[in-house]
Amino acid sequence: MLETLITSKTRLKLLLKFFLNSNSSSYLRNLENEFGNSSNSIRIELNRFEQAGLLKSENIGNRKYYQANTNHPLFPSIHNLIIQQIGFDKIIETVIEKLGKLKCCYVVGDFARGIDNKRIEIIFVGDRIKQDYLISLIKKAEILIKRSIHFEVYNDKELKKSNIFEKGTPSLLLWKE
């Protein structure tokens, strides 16, 4: 759906980069390497988004960093549209609600950095999570969203021992009780 609305692949990549995880920020050359596009096409789209007020920028040294403008009235709508496009809403509907004592759920990896990927990495945190049931639901969700889902399950103690978030792993809170 989103691909049909957005004709530019660069524009779509920028929307995913900045509107999936609003904490994501980047500068032109980094985006050029990440997207594999010319800096000119990226610069044009960045300027369009900034002029529309969808992105804000900050000069740090000789680099201009861009980030989503979460105060823009269209930010929630664009964010929700991207969540639906990727299929996170279906993951929530089909997986999280029936798992047991789930406390929270994070997306990590490429999607947490705002990079589109065919593989979604998720961390589930809770007690007495029904792993067999989770696996069957994950398989159903993969069919619905046409992406593979890699997941890990932790209780609070295991999560603290793992130091996953202390290592600077980008994360996006997907759901919290």
C-alpha atoms as a PDB file:
ATOM      1  CA  MET A   1       0.000   0.000   0.000  1.00  0.00           C
ATOM      2  CA  LEU A   2       2.690   2.498   0.993  1.00  0.00           C
ATOM      3  CA  GLU A   3       4.768   1.649  -2.079  1.00  0.00           C
ATOM      4  CA  THR A   4       1.854   2.551  -4.347  1.00  0.00           C
ATOM      5  CA  LEU A   5       1.414   5.914  -2.628  1.00  0.00           C
ATOM      6  CA  ILE A   6       5.089   6.776  -2.731  1.00  0.00           C
ATOM      7  CA  THR A   7       6.683   6.769  -6.151  1.00  0.00           C
ATOM      8  CA  SER A   8      10.272   7.425  -5.069  1.00  0.00           C
ATOM      9  CA  LYS A   9      12.233   4.566  -3.476  1.00  0.00           C
ATOM     10  CA  THR A  10      14.476   7.127  -1.798  1.00  0.00           C
ATOM     11  CA  ARG A  11      11.415   8.820  -0.279  1.00  0.00           C
ATOM     12  CA  LEU A  12      10.141   5.476   1.024  1.00  0.00           C
ATOM     13  CA  LYS A  13      13.526   4.621   2.550  1.00  0.00           C
ATOM     14  CA  LEU A  14      13.655   8.014   4.266  1.00  0.00           C
ATOM     15  CA  LEU A  15      10.158   7.562   5.677  1.00  0.00           C
ATOM     16  CA  LEU A  16      11.127   4.154   7.071  1.00  0.00           C
ATOM     17  CA  LYS A  17      14.397   5.523   8.427  1.00  0.00           C
ATOM     18  CA  PHE A  18      12.933   8.474  10.288  1.00  0.00           C
ATOM     19  CA  PHE A  19       9.280   7.665  10.956  1.00  0.00           C
ATOM     20  CA  LEU A  20       9.525   4.056  12.119  1.00  0.00           C
ATOM     21  CA  ASN A  21      11.810   5.000  14.995  1.00  0.00           C
ATOM     22  CA  SER A  22      11.566   8.712  15.754  1.00  0.00           C
ATOM     23  CA  ASN A  23      14.853   8.584  17.698  1.00  0.00           C
ATOM     24  CA  SER A  24      16.693   7.742  14.502  1.00  0.00           C
ATOM     25  CA  SER A  25      18.919  10.489  13.138  1.00  0.00           C
ATOM     26  CA  SER A  26      21.401  10.550  10.305  1.00  0.00           C
ATOM     27  CA  TYR A  27      23.364  12.761   7.944  1.00  0.00           C
ATOM     28  CA  LEU A  28      23.569  12.795   4.153  1.00  0.00           C
ATOM     29  CA  ARG A  29      26.720  10.714   3.554  1.00  0.00           C
ATOM     30  CA  ASN A  30      25.619   8.081   6.051  1.00  0.00           C
ATOM     31  CA  LEU A  31      22.263   7.797   4.268  1.00  0.00           C
ATOM     32  CA  GLU A  32      24.062   7.539   0.927  1.00  0.00           C
ATOM     33  CA  ASN A  33      26.038   4.530   2.194  1.00  0.00           C
ATOM     34  CA  GLU A  34      23.016   2.979   3.898  1.00  0.00           C
ATOM     35  CA  PHE A  35      20.641   3.326   0.939  1.00  0.00           C
ATOM     36  CA  GLY A  36      23.111   2.845  -1.900  1.00  0.00           C
ATOM     37  CA  ASN A  37      21.627   5.890  -3.652  1.00  0.00           C
ATOM     38  CA  SER A  38      23.291   9.024  -4.961  1.00  0.00           C
ATOM     39  CA  SER A  39      23.668  11.846  -2.460  1.00  0.00           C
ATOM     40  CA  ASN A  40      21.834  14.180  -4.853  1.00  0.00           C
ATOM     41  CA  SER A  41      18.577  12.178  -4.860  1.00  0.00           C
ATOM     42  CA  ILE A  42      18.739  11.824  -1.073  1.00  0.00           C
ATOM     43  CA  ARG A  43      19.486  15.547  -0.610  1.00  0.00           C
ATOM     44  CA  ILE A  44      16.484  16.497  -2.765  1.00  0.00           C
ATOM     45  CA  GLU A  45      14.137  14.331  -0.668  1.00  0.00           C
ATOM     46  CA  LEU A  46      15.638  15.498   2.630  1.00  0.00           C
ATOM     47  CA  ASN A  47      15.097  19.117   1.565  1.00  0.00           C
ATOM     48  CA  ARG A  48      11.488  18.371   0.588  1.00  0.00           C
ATOM     49  CA  PHE A  49      10.751  16.716   3.926  1.00  0.00           C
ATOM     50  CA  GLU A  50      12.474  19.496   5.844  1.00  0.00           C
ATOM     51  CA  GLN A  51      10.610  22.242   3.929  1.00  0.00           C
ATOM     52  CA  ALA A  52       7.332  20.430   4.662  1.00  0.00           C
ATOM     53  CA  GLY A  53       8.247  20.385   8.352  1.00  0.00           C
ATOM     54  CA  LEU A  54       8.315  16.577   8.540  1.00  0.00           C
ATOM     55  CA  LEU A  55      12.040  16.532   9.339  1.00  0.00           C
ATOM     56  CA  LYS A  56      14.062  18.764  11.590  1.00  0.00           C
ATOM     57  CA  SER A  57      17.797  19.236  11.248  1.00  0.00           C
ATOM     58  CA  GLU A  58      20.755  20.192  13.386  1.00  0.00           C
ATOM     59  CA  ASN A  59      24.276  21.079  12.341  1.00  0.00           C
ATOM     60  CA  ILE A  60      26.911  19.234  14.351  1.00  0.00           C
ATOM     61  CA  GLY A  61      30.409  20.047  13.185  1.00  0.00           C
ATOM     62  CA  ASN A  62      30.381  19.942   9.403  1.00  0.00           C
ATOM     63  CA  ARG A  63      27.444  17.516   9.247  1.00  0.00           C
ATOM     64  CA  LYS A  64      23.750  18.256   9.073  1.00  0.00           C
ATOM     65  CA  TYR A  65      21.796  15.631  11.016  1.00  0.00           C
ATOM     66  CA  TYR A  66      18.149  14.959  10.233  1.00  0.00           C
ATOM     67  CA  GLN A  67      15.451  13.524  12.477  1.00  0.00           C
ATOM     68  CA  ALA A  68      11.674  13.165  12.303  1.00  0.00           C
ATOM     69  CA  ASN A  69       9.724  16.123  13.602  1.00  0.00           C
ATOM     70  CA  THR A  70       7.483  14.362  16.115  1.00  0.00           C
ATOM     71  CA  ASN A  71       5.590  17.626  16.696  1.00  0.00           C
ATOM     72  CA  HIS A  72       4.346  17.710  13.112  1.00  0.00           C
ATOM     73  CA  PRO A  73       0.577  17.006  12.996  1.00  0.00           C
ATOM     74  CA  LEU A  74       1.075  14.257  10.391  1.00  0.00           C
ATOM     75  CA  PHE A  75       3.777  12.399  12.350  1.00  0.00           C
ATOM     76  CA  PRO A  76       1.388   9.984  14.154  1.00  0.00           C
ATOM     77  CA  SER A  77      -0.443   9.164  10.927  1.00  0.00           C
ATOM     78  CA  ILE A  78       2.738   8.515   8.958  1.00  0.00           C
ATOM     79  CA  HIS A  79       4.180   6.446  11.809  1.00  0.00           C
ATOM     80  CA  ASN A  80       1.016   4.316  12.020  1.00  0.00           C
ATOM     81  CA  LEU A  81       0.931   3.854   8.250  1.00  0.00           C
ATOM     82  CA  ILE A  82       4.511   2.567   8.294  1.00  0.00           C
ATOM     83  CA  ILE A  83       3.754   0.251  11.229  1.00  0.00           C
ATOM     84  CA  GLN A  84       0.859  -1.198   9.229  1.00  0.00           C
ATOM     85  CA  GLN A  85       2.924  -1.464   6.034  1.00  0.00           C
ATOM     86  CA  ILE A  86       5.642  -3.468   7.750  1.00  0.00           C
ATOM     87  CA  GLY A  87       3.087  -5.637   9.508  1.00  0.00           C
ATOM     88  CA  PHE A  88       3.886  -4.790  13.118  1.00  0.00           C
ATOM     89  CA  ASP A  89       0.185  -4.259  13.773  1.00  0.00           C
ATOM     90  CA  LYS A  90      -0.533  -7.844  12.673  1.00  0.00           C
ATOM     91  CA  ILE A  91       2.291  -9.147  14.862  1.00  0.00           C
ATOM     92  CA  ILE A  92       0.708  -7.388  17.814  1.00  0.00           C
ATOM     93  CA  GLU A  93      -2.765  -8.701  17.004  1.00  0.00           C
ATOM     94  CA  THR A  94      -1.784 -12.312  16.310  1.00  0.00           C
ATOM     95  CA  VAL A  95       1.107 -12.863  18.687  1.00  0.00           C
ATOM     96  CA  ILE A  96       1.357 -10.630  21.711  1.00  0.00           C
ATOM     97  CA  GLU A  97      -2.181 -10.725  23.045  1.00  0.00           C
ATOM     98  CA  LYS A  98      -2.219 -14.502  23.633  1.00  0.00           C
ATOM     99  CA  LEU A  99       1.225 -15.242  25.009  1.00  0.00           C
ATOM    100  CA  GLY A 100       0.821 -15.272  28.729  1.00  0.00           C
ATOM    101  CA  LYS A 101       2.465 -12.804  31.076  1.00  0.00           C
ATOM    102  CA  LEU A 102       4.149 -10.591  28.508  1.00  0.00           C
ATOM    103  CA  LYS A 103       5.562  -7.347  29.922  1.00  0.00           C
ATOM    104  CA  CYS A 104       6.984  -5.709  26.816  1.00  0.00           C
ATOM    105  CA  CYS A 105       8.183  -6.350  23.329  1.00  0.00           C
ATOM    106  CA  TYR A 106      10.983  -4.629  21.381  1.00  0.00           C
ATOM    107  CA  VAL A 107      12.023  -4.573  17.762  1.00  0.00           C
ATOM    108  CA  VAL A 108      15.809  -4.614  17.399  1.00  0.00           C
ATOM    109  CA  GLY A 109      18.187  -4.863  14.471  1.00  0.00           C
ATOM    110  CA  ASP A 110      17.667  -3.144  11.132  1.00  0.00           C
ATOM    111  CA  PHE A 111      14.080  -2.038  11.726  1.00  0.00           C
ATOM    112  CA  ALA A 112      15.027  -0.355  15.005  1.00  0.00           C
ATOM    113  CA  ARG A 113      17.584   1.606  12.962  1.00  0.00           C
ATOM    114  CA  GLY A 114      14.903   2.484  10.409  1.00  0.00           C
ATOM    115  CA  ILE A 115      16.204   0.154   7.695  1.00  0.00           C
ATOM    116  CA  ASP A 116      13.714  -1.984   5.783  1.00  0.00           C
ATOM    117  CA  ASN A 117      14.539  -5.675   5.840  1.00  0.00           C
ATOM    118  CA  LYS A 118      12.800  -8.974   5.089  1.00  0.00           C
ATOM    119  CA  ARG A 119      13.788 -10.160   8.594  1.00  0.00           C
ATOM    120  CA  ILE A 120      12.245  -8.693  11.718  1.00  0.00           C
ATOM    121  CA  GLU A 121      14.053  -9.209  15.025  1.00  0.00           C
ATOM    122  CA  ILE A 122      11.915  -9.087  18.164  1.00  0.00           C
ATOM    123  CA  ILE A 123      12.658  -9.427  21.866  1.00  0.00           C
ATOM    124  CA  PHE A 124       9.795 -10.569  24.112  1.00  0.00           C
ATOM    125  CA  VAL A 125      10.097  -9.894  27.845  1.00  0.00           C
ATOM    126  CA  GLY A 126       7.824 -11.652  30.308  1.00  0.00           C
ATOM    127  CA  ASP A 127       7.212 -14.593  32.584  1.00  0.00           C
ATOM    128  CA  ARG A 128       5.796 -17.987  31.644  1.00  0.00           C
ATOM    129  CA  ILE A 129       5.673 -17.186  27.945  1.00  0.00           C
ATOM    130  CA  LYS A 130       4.114 -20.060  26.023  1.00  0.00           C
ATOM    131  CA  GLN A 131       7.005 -20.741  23.624  1.00  0.00           C
ATOM    132  CA  ASP A 132       5.270 -23.462  21.588  1.00  0.00           C
ATOM    133  CA  TYR A 133       2.300 -21.196  21.108  1.00  0.00           C
ATOM    134  CA  LEU A 134       4.604 -18.276  20.292  1.00  0.00           C
ATOM    135  CA  ILE A 135       6.315 -20.292  17.564  1.00  0.00           C
ATOM    136  CA  SER A 136       3.004 -21.240  15.967  1.00  0.00           C
ATOM    137  CA  LEU A 137       1.800 -17.617  16.076  1.00  0.00           C
ATOM    138  CA  ILE A 138       5.082 -16.336  14.666  1.00  0.00           C
ATOM    139  CA  LYS A 139       4.689 -18.700  11.705  1.00  0.00           C
ATOM    140  CA  LYS A 140       1.187 -17.360  11.053  1.00  0.00           C
ATOM    141  CA  ALA A 141       2.386 -13.766  11.355  1.00  0.00           C
ATOM    142  CA  GLU A 142       5.239 -14.447   8.902  1.00  0.00           C
ATOM    143  CA  ILE A 143       2.715 -15.598   6.306  1.00  0.00           C
ATOM    144  CA  LEU A 144       0.520 -12.529   6.889  1.00  0.00           C
ATOM    145  CA  ILE A 145       3.322  -9.987   6.613  1.00  0.00           C
ATOM    146  CA  LYS A 146       5.535 -11.896   4.130  1.00  0.00           C
ATOM    147  CA  ARG A 147       8.663 -11.414   6.248  1.00  0.00           C
ATOM    148  CA  SER A 148      10.682 -13.721   8.476  1.00  0.00           C
ATOM    149  CA  ILE A 149      10.599 -13.098  12.214  1.00  0.00           C
ATOM    150  CA  HIS A 150      13.512 -13.957  14.490  1.00  0.00           C
ATOM    151  CA  PHE A 151      12.713 -13.701  18.188  1.00  0.00           C
ATOM    152  CA  GLU A 152      14.215 -14.145  21.628  1.00  0.00           C
ATOM    153  CA  VAL A 153      12.336 -14.512  24.900  1.00  0.00           C
ATOM    154  CA  TYR A 154      13.665 -13.222  28.227  1.00  0.00           C
ATOM    155  CA  ASN A 155      12.330 -12.812  31.712  1.00  0.00           C
ATOM    156  CA  ASP A 156      13.407  -9.666  33.612  1.00  0.00           C
ATOM    157  CA  LYS A 157      16.409 -11.355  35.237  1.00  0.00           C
ATOM    158  CA  GLU A 158      17.687 -12.849  31.969  1.00  0.00           C
ATOM    159  CA  LEU A 159      17.270  -9.526  30.187  1.00  0.00           C
ATOM    160  CA  LYS A 160      19.376  -7.722  32.798  1.00  0.00           C
ATOM    161  CA  LYS A 161      22.093 -10.395  32.566  1.00  0.00           C
ATOM    162  CA  SER A 162      22.159 -10.205  28.771  1.00  0.00           C
ATOM    163  CA  ASN A 163      22.979  -6.466  28.756  1.00  0.00           C
ATOM    164  CA  ILE A 164      21.375  -6.266  25.303  1.00  0.00           C
ATOM    165  CA  PHE A 165      20.262  -2.675  25.679  1.00  0.00           C
ATOM    166  CA  GLU A 166      23.406  -1.573  27.494  1.00  0.00           C
ATOM    167  CA  LYS A 167      25.514  -2.532  24.461  1.00  0.00           C
ATOM    168  CA  GLY A 168      23.912   0.277  22.482  1.00  0.00           C
ATOM    169  CA  THR A 169      21.620  -2.021  20.531  1.00  0.00           C
ATOM    170  CA  PRO A 170      19.053   0.184  18.809  1.00  0.00           C
ATOM    171  CA  SER A 171      15.574  -0.767  19.956  1.00  0.00           C
ATOM    172  CA  LEU A 172      12.026   0.261  19.284  1.00  0.00           C
ATOM    173  CA  LEU A 173       9.397  -0.423  21.942  1.00  0.00           C
ATOM    174  CA  LEU A 174       6.630  -2.224  20.089  1.00  0.00           C
ATOM    175  CA  TRP A 175       4.312  -3.020  22.983  1.00  0.00           C
ATOM    176  CA  LYS A 176       4.205  -2.587  26.761  1.00  0.00           C
ATOM    177  CA  GLU A 177       1.598  -3.713  29.274  1.00  0.00           C
END
